[in-house]
PDB file of N, CA and C in Angstrom:
ATOM      1  N   MET A   1     109.936  81.673  75.367  1.00  0.00           N
ATOM      2  CA  MET A   1     109.478  82.737  76.259  1.00  0.00           C
ATOM      3  C   MET A   1     108.134  83.284  76.280  1.00  0.00           C
ATOM      4  N   THR A   2     107.139  83.620  76.920  1.00  0.00           N
ATOM      5  CA  THR A   2     105.859  83.687  76.606  1.00  0.00           C
ATOM      6  C   THR A   2     105.477  85.156  76.629  1.00  0.00           C
ATOM      7  N   LYS A   3     104.548  85.483  75.708  1.00  0.00           N
ATOM      8  CA  LYS A   3     104.249  87.071  75.232  1.00  0.00           C
ATOM      9  C   LYS A   3     104.524  88.005  76.188  1.00  0.00           C
ATOM     10  N   GLU A   4     103.713  87.557  77.310  1.00  0.00           N
ATOM     11  CA  GLU A   4     104.092  88.179  78.702  1.00  0.00           C
ATOM     12  C   GLU A   4     105.820  88.799  79.125  1.00  0.00           C
ATOM     13  N   ASP A   5     106.563  87.780  78.945  1.00  0.00           N
ATOM     14  CA  ASP A   5     107.908  87.946  78.870  1.00  0.00           C
ATOM     15  C   ASP A   5     108.366  88.731  78.003  1.00  0.00           C
ATOM     16  N   GLU A   6     108.220  88.634  76.575  1.00  0.00           N
ATOM     17  CA  GLU A   6     108.481  89.452  75.761  1.00  0.00           C
ATOM     18  C   GLU A   6     108.176  90.844  76.098  1.00  0.00           C
ATOM     19  N   GLY A   7     106.871  91.019  76.364  1.00  0.00           N
ATOM     20  CA  GLY A   7     106.553  92.507  76.186  1.00  0.00           C
ATOM     21  C   GLY A   7     107.232  93.132  77.343  1.00  0.00           C
ATOM     22  N   ARG A   8     107.664  92.334  78.475  1.00  0.00           N
ATOM     23  CA  ARG A   8     108.370  92.976  79.769  1.00  0.00           C
ATOM     24  C   ARG A   8     110.017  92.998  79.458  1.00  0.00           C
ATOM     25  N   ASP A   9     110.270  92.340  78.392  1.00  0.00           N
ATOM     26  CA  ASP A   9     111.372  92.281  77.731  1.00  0.00           C
ATOM     27  C   ASP A   9     111.731  93.670  76.944  1.00  0.00           C
ATOM     28  N   LEU A  10     110.750  93.896  76.388  1.00  0.00           N
ATOM     29  CA  LEU A  10     110.933  94.680  75.442  1.00  0.00           C
ATOM     30  C   LEU A  10     110.342  96.486  75.705  1.00  0.00           C
ATOM     31  N   SER A  11     109.881  96.002  76.685  1.00  0.00           N
ATOM     32  CA  SER A  11     109.669  97.374  77.838  1.00  0.00           C
ATOM     33  C   SER A  11     111.200  98.056  78.463  1.00  0.00           C
ATOM     34  N   GLN A  12     111.746  97.211  78.715  1.00  0.00           N
ATOM     35  CA  GLN A  12     112.899  97.610  79.151  1.00  0.00           C
ATOM     36  C   GLN A  12     113.678  98.221  78.028  1.00  0.00           C
ATOM     37  N   LEU A  13     113.197  97.820  76.825  1.00  0.00           N
ATOM     38  CA  LEU A  13     114.222  98.756  76.228  1.00  0.00           C
ATOM     39  C   LEU A  13     114.041  99.922  75.798  1.00  0.00           C
ATOM     40  N   ILE A  14     112.996 100.293  76.297  1.00  0.00           N
ATOM     41  CA  ILE A  14     112.383 102.115  75.794  1.00  0.00           C
ATOM     42  C   ILE A  14     113.251 102.880  76.341  1.00  0.00           C
ATOM     43  N   PRO A  15     114.155 103.002  77.618  1.00  0.00           N
ATOM     44  CA  PRO A  15     115.198 104.088  77.875  1.00  0.00           C
ATOM     45  C   PRO A  15     116.180 104.155  76.684  1.00  0.00           C
ATOM     46  N   PHE A  16     116.852 102.950  76.637  1.00  0.00           N
ATOM     47  CA  PHE A  16     117.375 103.317  75.399  1.00  0.00           C
ATOM     48  C   PHE A  16     117.291 103.416  74.078  1.00  0.00           C
ATOM     49  N   TYR A  17     115.832 102.789  73.941  1.00  0.00           N
ATOM     50  CA  TYR A  17     115.220 103.575  72.706  1.00  0.00           C
ATOM     51  C   TYR A  17     115.169 105.001  72.588  1.00  0.00           C
ATOM     52  N   LEU A  18     114.846 105.700  73.026  1.00  0.00           N
ATOM     53  CA  LEU A  18     114.714 107.197  73.436  1.00  0.00           C
ATOM     54  C   LEU A  18     116.059 108.011  73.676  1.00  0.00           C
ATOM     55  N   ASN A  19     116.975 107.332  74.368  1.00  0.00           N
ATOM     56  CA  ASN A  19     118.291 107.888  74.293  1.00  0.00           C
ATOM     57  C   ASN A  19     119.387 107.573  73.372  1.00  0.00           C
ATOM     58  N   GLY A  20     118.435 106.751  72.000  1.00  0.00           N
ATOM     59  CA  GLY A  20     119.740 106.294  71.139  1.00  0.00           C
ATOM     60  C   GLY A  20     120.732 105.342  71.324  1.00  0.00           C
ATOM     61  N   THR A  21     120.357 104.624  72.303  1.00  0.00           N
ATOM     62  CA  THR A  21     122.053 103.940  72.764  1.00  0.00           C
ATOM     63  C   THR A  21     121.545 101.958  72.701  1.00  0.00           C
ATOM     64  N   ILE A  22     120.451 102.029  71.943  1.00  0.00           N
ATOM     65  CA  ILE A  22     120.022 100.736  71.551  1.00  0.00           C
ATOM     66  C   ILE A  22     120.498 100.271  70.566  1.00  0.00           C
ATOM     67  N   SER A  23     120.703  98.760  70.748  1.00  0.00           N
ATOM     68  CA  SER A  23     121.602  98.345  69.661  1.00  0.00           C
ATOM     69  C   SER A  23     120.351  98.044  68.234  1.00  0.00           C
ATOM     70  N   PRO A  24     120.849  97.867  67.180  1.00  0.00           N
ATOM     71  CA  PRO A  24     119.977  97.815  65.937  1.00  0.00           C
ATOM     72  C   PRO A  24     119.246  97.068  66.124  1.00  0.00           C
ATOM     73  N   ALA A  25     119.335  96.003  66.706  1.00  0.00           N
ATOM     74  CA  ALA A  25     118.642  94.575  66.219  1.00  0.00           C
ATOM     75  C   ALA A  25     117.550  94.642  67.770  1.00  0.00           C
ATOM     76  N   ASP A  26     117.723  95.520  68.646  1.00  0.00           N
ATOM     77  CA  ASP A  26     117.104  95.341  69.493  1.00  0.00           C
ATOM     78  C   ASP A  26     115.943  96.924  69.193  1.00  0.00           C
ATOM     79  N   ARG A  27     116.667  97.902  68.772  1.00  0.00           N
ATOM     80  CA  ARG A  27     115.421  99.041  68.129  1.00  0.00           C
ATOM     81  C   ARG A  27     114.395  98.056  66.697  1.00  0.00           C
ATOM     82  N   ALA A  28     114.666  97.138  66.112  1.00  0.00           N
ATOM     83  CA  ALA A  28     114.011  96.483  65.033  1.00  0.00           C
ATOM     84  C   ALA A  28     113.288  95.864  65.809  1.00  0.00           C
ATOM     85  N   ARG A  29     113.191  95.264  66.651  1.00  0.00           N
ATOM     86  CA  ARG A  29     112.379  94.203  67.606  1.00  0.00           C
ATOM     87  C   ARG A  29     111.295  95.243  68.366  1.00  0.00           C
ATOM     88  N   LEU A  30     111.734  96.517  68.835  1.00  0.00           N
ATOM     89  CA  LEU A  30     110.884  97.204  69.509  1.00  0.00           C
ATOM     90  C   LEU A  30     109.935  97.619  68.625  1.00  0.00           C
ATOM     91  N   GLU A  31     110.522  98.453  67.932  1.00  0.00           N
ATOM     92  CA  GLU A  31     109.444  99.257  66.478  1.00  0.00           C
ATOM     93  C   GLU A  31     108.987  97.943  66.130  1.00  0.00           C
ATOM     94  N   LYS A  32     109.418  96.627  65.565  1.00  0.00           N
ATOM     95  CA  LYS A  32     107.879  96.003  65.150  1.00  0.00           C
ATOM     96  C   LYS A  32     107.257  95.584  66.090  1.00  0.00           C
ATOM     97  N   ALA A  33     107.364  95.261  67.187  1.00  0.00           N
ATOM     98  CA  ALA A  33     106.263  94.742  68.501  1.00  0.00           C
ATOM     99  C   ALA A  33     105.251  96.138  68.647  1.00  0.00           C
ATOM    100  N   LEU A  34     105.907  97.547  68.718  1.00  0.00           N
ATOM    101  CA  LEU A  34     105.126  98.788  69.349  1.00  0.00           C
ATOM    102  C   LEU A  34     103.702  98.758  68.805  1.00  0.00           C
ATOM    103  N   PRO A  35     103.844  99.026  67.366  1.00  0.00           N
ATOM    104  CA  PRO A  35     102.106  99.047  66.418  1.00  0.00           C
ATOM    105  C   PRO A  35     101.047  97.959  67.339  1.00  0.00           C
ATOM    106  N   ALA A  36     101.570  96.495  67.593  1.00  0.00           N
ATOM    107  CA  ALA A  36     100.920  95.581  68.017  1.00  0.00           C
ATOM    108  C   ALA A  36     100.532  95.894  69.553  1.00  0.00           C
ATOM    109  N   SER A  37     101.178  96.761  70.227  1.00  0.00           N
ATOM    110  CA  SER A  37     101.152  96.479  71.497  1.00  0.00           C
ATOM    111  C   SER A  37     100.772  97.602  72.324  1.00  0.00           C
ATOM    112  N   PRO A  38      99.592  98.026  72.694  1.00  0.00           N
ATOM    113  CA  PRO A  38      99.136  99.027  73.468  1.00  0.00           C
ATOM    114  C   PRO A  38      99.572  99.286  74.623  1.00  0.00           C
ATOM    115  N   ARG A  39     100.279  98.591  75.075  1.00  0.00           N
ATOM    116  CA  ARG A  39     100.731  98.553  76.681  1.00  0.00           C
ATOM    117  C   ARG A  39     102.352  99.241  76.548  1.00  0.00           C
ATOM    118  N   LEU A  40     102.867  98.641  75.367  1.00  0.00           N
ATOM    119  CA  LEU A  40     104.434  99.254  74.792  1.00  0.00           C
ATOM    120  C   LEU A  40     104.071 100.427  74.252  1.00  0.00           C
ATOM    121  N   LEU A  41     103.024 100.915  73.567  1.00  0.00           N
ATOM    122  CA  LEU A  41     102.733 102.230  73.188  1.00  0.00           C
ATOM    123  C   LEU A  41     102.469 103.023  74.212  1.00  0.00           C
ATOM    124  N   GLU A  42     101.937 102.707  75.278  1.00  0.00           N
ATOM    125  CA  GLU A  42     101.628 103.469  76.342  1.00  0.00           C
ATOM    126  C   GLU A  42     102.704 103.362  77.157  1.00  0.00           C
ATOM    127  N   GLU A  43     103.747 102.941  77.469  1.00  0.00           N
ATOM    128  CA  GLU A  43     104.792 102.788  78.360  1.00  0.00           C
ATOM    129  C   GLU A  43     105.799 103.936  77.106  1.00  0.00           C
ATOM    130  N   LEU A  44     105.781 103.826  76.208  1.00  0.00           N
ATOM    131  CA  LEU A  44     106.696 104.803  75.638  1.00  0.00           C
ATOM    132  C   LEU A  44     105.945 106.033  75.755  1.00  0.00           C
ATOM    133  N   ALA A  45     105.367 106.363  75.635  1.00  0.00           N
ATOM    134  CA  ALA A  45     104.587 107.790  75.617  1.00  0.00           C
ATOM    135  C   ALA A  45     104.723 108.390  77.065  1.00  0.00           C
ATOM    136  N   ALA A  46     104.733 107.348  77.831  1.00  0.00           N
ATOM    137  CA  ALA A  46     104.752 107.763  79.388  1.00  0.00           C
ATOM    138  C   ALA A  46     106.584 108.094  79.676  1.00  0.00           C
ATOM    139  N   ALA A  47     107.108 107.081  79.132  1.00  0.00           N
ATOM    140  CA  ALA A  47     108.944 107.880  79.244  1.00  0.00           C
ATOM    141  C   ALA A  47     109.278 108.905  78.133  1.00  0.00           C
ATOM    142  N   ARG A  48     108.237 109.127  77.360  1.00  0.00           N
ATOM    143  CA  ARG A  48     108.721 110.368  76.470  1.00  0.00           C
ATOM    144  C   ARG A  48     108.571 111.431  77.133  1.00  0.00           C
ATOM    145  N   SER A  49     106.940 111.373  77.738  1.00  0.00           N
ATOM    146  CA  SER A  49     106.901 112.499  78.965  1.00  0.00           C
ATOM    147  C   SER A  49     107.681 112.988  80.135  1.00  0.00           C
ATOM    148  N   LEU A  50     107.966 111.594  80.903  1.00  0.00           N
ATOM    149  CA  LEU A  50     108.888 112.019  82.115  1.00  0.00           C
ATOM    150  C   LEU A  50     110.654 112.669  81.624  1.00  0.00           C
ATOM    151  N   ALA A  51     110.722 112.065  79.914  1.00  0.00           N
ATOM    152  CA  ALA A  51     112.056 112.600  79.817  1.00  0.00           C
ATOM    153  C   ALA A  51     111.492 114.363  79.559  1.00  0.00           C
ATOM    154  N   ALA A  52     110.786 114.563  78.954  1.00  0.00           N
ATOM    155  CA  ALA A  52     110.314 115.727  78.446  1.00  0.00           C
ATOM    156  C   ALA A  52     110.649 116.877  80.092  1.00  0.00           C
ATOM    157  N   LEU A  53     109.560 116.203  80.787  1.00  0.00           N
ATOM    158  CA  LEU A  53     109.635 116.895  82.295  1.00  0.00           C
ATOM    159  C   LEU A  53     110.956 116.726  82.787  1.00  0.00           C
ATOM    160  N   VAL A  54     111.754 116.092  82.876  1.00  0.00           N
ATOM    161  CA  VAL A  54     113.289 116.392  83.257  1.00  0.00           C
ATOM    162  C   VAL A  54     113.659 117.436  82.385  1.00  0.00           C
ATOM    163  N   ARG A  55     113.956 116.815  81.208  1.00  0.00           N
ATOM    164  CA  ARG A  55     114.537 118.341  80.489  1.00  0.00           C
ATOM    165  C   ARG A  55     114.347 119.342  80.550  1.00  0.00           C
ATOM    166  N   GLU A  56     112.640 119.388  80.971  1.00  0.00           N
ATOM    167  CA  GLU A  56     112.171 121.033  81.645  1.00  0.00           C
ATOM    168  C   GLU A  56     112.826 121.375  82.507  1.00  0.00           C
ATOM    169  N   GLY A  57     112.630 120.721  83.349  1.00  0.00           N
ATOM    170  CA  GLY A  57     113.158 121.069  84.965  1.00  0.00           C
ATOM    171  C   GLY A  57     114.482 121.173  84.886  1.00  0.00           C
ATOM    172  N   ALA A  58     115.195 120.682  84.262  1.00  0.00           N
ATOM    173  CA  ALA A  58     117.237 120.901  84.289  1.00  0.00           C
ATOM    174  C   ALA A  58     117.028 121.958  83.576  1.00  0.00           C
ATOM    175  N   SER A  59     116.507 122.634  82.751  1.00  0.00           N
ATOM    176  CA  SER A  59     116.828 124.228  82.140  1.00  0.00           C
ATOM    177  C   SER A  59     116.331 125.416  83.496  1.00  0.00           C
ATOM    178  N   ALA A  60     116.194 125.013  84.883  1.00  0.00           N
ATOM    179  CA  ALA A  60     116.215 125.698  85.748  1.00  0.00           C
ATOM    180  C   ALA A  60     117.671 125.772  86.535  1.00  0.00           C
ATOM    181  N   LEU A  61     118.490 124.566  86.201  1.00  0.00           N
ATOM    182  CA  LEU A  61     119.435 124.722  87.049  1.00  0.00           C
ATOM    183  C   LEU A  61     120.702 125.947  86.553  1.00  0.00           C
ATOM    184  N   SER A  62     121.337 126.136  87.645  1.00  0.00           N
ATOM    185  CA  SER A  62     122.476 126.843  87.637  1.00  0.00           C
ATOM    186  C   SER A  62     123.928 126.377  87.891  1.00  0.00           C
ATOM    187  N   PRO A  63     125.036 126.606  86.988  1.00  0.00           N
ATOM    188  CA  PRO A  63     126.079 125.671  87.134  1.00  0.00           C
ATOM    189  C   PRO A  63     126.759 125.801  88.730  1.00  0.00           C
ATOM    190  N   ASP A  64     125.877 126.565  89.468  1.00  0.00           N
ATOM    191  CA  ASP A  64     126.548 126.858  90.811  1.00  0.00           C
ATOM    192  C   ASP A  64     126.037 125.948  91.472  1.00  0.00           C
ATOM    193  N   ASP A  65     125.018 125.364  91.242  1.00  0.00           N
ATOM    194  CA  ASP A  65     124.204 124.873  92.293  1.00  0.00           C
ATOM    195  C   ASP A  65     124.949 123.511  92.914  1.00  0.00           C
ATOM    196  N   GLY A  66     124.655 123.228  93.850  1.00  0.00           N
ATOM    197  CA  GLY A  66     125.389 121.863  94.064  1.00  0.00           C
ATOM    198  C   GLY A  66     124.635 120.505  94.084  1.00  0.00           C
ATOM    199  N   PRO A  67     125.281 119.426  94.101  1.00  0.00           N
ATOM    200  CA  PRO A  67     124.090 118.412  93.521  1.00  0.00           C
ATOM    201  C   PRO A  67     122.737 118.162  94.343  1.00  0.00           C
ATOM    202  N   GLU A  68     122.583 118.432  95.786  1.00  0.00           N
ATOM    203  CA  GLU A  68     121.527 118.262  96.213  1.00  0.00           C
ATOM    204  C   GLU A  68     120.348 119.237  95.686  1.00  0.00           C
ATOM    205  N   SER A  69     121.160 120.715  95.724  1.00  0.00           N
ATOM    206  CA  SER A  69     119.961 121.886  95.436  1.00  0.00           C
ATOM    207  C   SER A  69     119.385 121.472  93.887  1.00  0.00           C
ATOM    208  N   ARG A  70     120.669 121.020  92.962  1.00  0.00           N
ATOM    209  CA  ARG A  70     120.065 120.983  91.344  1.00  0.00           C
ATOM    210  C   ARG A  70     118.815 119.509  91.824  1.00  0.00           C
ATOM    211  N   LEU A  71     119.149 118.559  92.650  1.00  0.00           N
ATOM    212  CA  LEU A  71     117.858 117.726  92.487  1.00  0.00           C
ATOM    213  C   LEU A  71     116.930 118.265  93.140  1.00  0.00           C
ATOM    214  N   HIS A  72     116.753 119.248  94.175  1.00  0.00           N
ATOM    215  CA  HIS A  72     115.641 119.638  94.589  1.00  0.00           C
ATOM    216  C   HIS A  72     114.869 120.704  93.634  1.00  0.00           C
ATOM    217  N   LYS A  73     115.495 121.640  92.818  1.00  0.00           N
ATOM    218  CA  LYS A  73     115.151 122.497  91.898  1.00  0.00           C
ATOM    219  C   LYS A  73     114.553 121.320  90.899  1.00  0.00           C
ATOM    220  N   VAL A  74     115.481 120.130  90.274  1.00  0.00           N
ATOM    221  CA  VAL A  74     114.822 119.425  89.398  1.00  0.00           C
ATOM    222  C   VAL A  74     113.097 119.271  89.687  1.00  0.00           C
ATOM    223  N   VAL A  75     113.661 118.356  90.640  1.00  0.00           N
ATOM    224  CA  VAL A  75     111.833 117.501  91.462  1.00  0.00           C
ATOM    225  C   VAL A  75     111.043 118.759  91.671  1.00  0.00           C
ATOM    226  N   ALA A  76     111.145 119.784  92.207  1.00  0.00           N
ATOM    227  CA  ALA A  76     109.962 121.022  92.292  1.00  0.00           C
ATOM    228  C   ALA A  76     109.757 121.258  90.751  1.00  0.00           C
ATOM    229  N   ARG A  77     110.502 121.296  89.778  1.00  0.00           N
ATOM    230  CA  ARG A  77     110.319 122.054  88.542  1.00  0.00           C
ATOM    231  C   ARG A  77     109.210 120.595  87.676  1.00  0.00           C
ATOM    232  N   ILE A  78     109.720 120.062  88.102  1.00  0.00           N
ATOM    233  CA  ILE A  78     108.850 118.255  87.340  1.00  0.00           C
ATOM    234  C   ILE A  78     107.279 118.538  87.731  1.00  0.00           C
ATOM    235  N   ASP A  79     107.422 118.942  89.461  1.00  0.00           N
ATOM    236  CA  ASP A  79     106.246 118.838  89.988  1.00  0.00           C
ATOM    237  C   ASP A  79     105.016 120.055  89.361  1.00  0.00           C
ATOM    238  N   ALA A  80     105.996 121.253  89.381  1.00  0.00           N
ATOM    239  CA  ALA A  80     105.064 122.432  88.540  1.00  0.00           C
ATOM    240  C   ALA A  80     104.632 122.024  87.460  1.00  0.00           C
ATOM    241  N   LEU A  81     105.325 121.715  86.391  1.00  0.00           N
ATOM    242  CA  LEU A  81     105.242 121.006  85.119  1.00  0.00           C
ATOM    243  C   LEU A  81     104.322 119.963  84.830  1.00  0.00           C
ATOM    244  N   ARG A  82     103.943 119.095  86.077  1.00  0.00           N
ATOM    245  CA  ARG A  82     103.252 118.253  85.950  1.00  0.00           C
ATOM    246  C   ARG A  82     101.586 118.557  86.829  1.00  0.00           C
ATOM    247  N   THR A  83     101.575 119.517  87.527  1.00  0.00           N
ATOM    248  CA  THR A  83     100.524 120.209  88.133  1.00  0.00           C
ATOM    249  C   THR A  83      99.962 121.197  87.057  1.00  0.00           C
ATOM    250  N   ALA A  84     101.036 121.957  86.133  1.00  0.00           N
ATOM    251  CA  ALA A  84     100.275 122.583  85.248  1.00  0.00           C
ATOM    252  C   ALA A  84      99.419 121.936  83.929  1.00  0.00           C
ATOM    253  N   ARG A  85     100.560 121.064  83.629  1.00  0.00           N
ATOM    254  CA  ARG A  85      99.955 120.012  82.824  1.00  0.00           C
ATOM    255  C   ARG A  85      98.481 119.385  82.654  1.00  0.00           C
ATOM    256  N   ASP A  86      97.984 118.859  84.234  1.00  0.00           N
ATOM    257  CA  ASP A  86      97.393 118.155  84.797  1.00  0.00           C
ATOM    258  C   ASP A  86      95.708 119.328  84.840  1.00  0.00           C
ATOM    259  N   ASP A  87      96.110 120.228  85.284  1.00  0.00           N
ATOM    260  CA  ASP A  87      95.338 121.349  85.445  1.00  0.00           C
ATOM    261  C   ASP A  87      94.814 121.979  83.779  1.00  0.00           C
ATOM    262  N   GLY A  88      95.540 121.387  82.888  1.00  0.00           N
ATOM    263  CA  GLY A  88      95.309 121.873  81.520  1.00  0.00           C
ATOM    264  C   GLY A  88      94.434 120.496  80.977  1.00  0.00           C
ATOM    265  N   ASP A  89      94.597 119.949  81.415  1.00  0.00           N
ATOM    266  CA  ASP A  89      93.556 118.398  81.118  1.00  0.00           C
ATOM    267  C   ASP A  89      91.997 118.653  80.948  1.00  0.00           C
TER     268      ASP A  89
END
């Protein structure tokens, strides 16, 4: 496996790393590679940011909303939060 293939493979583990469903062996591989890979660190930061936006967007939901309504509310909330964050940079 080339270094590029290994990096791609490890980047696919990031969502599992963030939600705690990664295997101990894969966690160890990813954590070992992170300090040496700016690209992996950037991907991890982006995934964390996206997860935070989704959590914040989901907080605007009501249990009475249907699936389509919930989706539209989450997307609108994420867009508003992203715009606010971009304007603050």
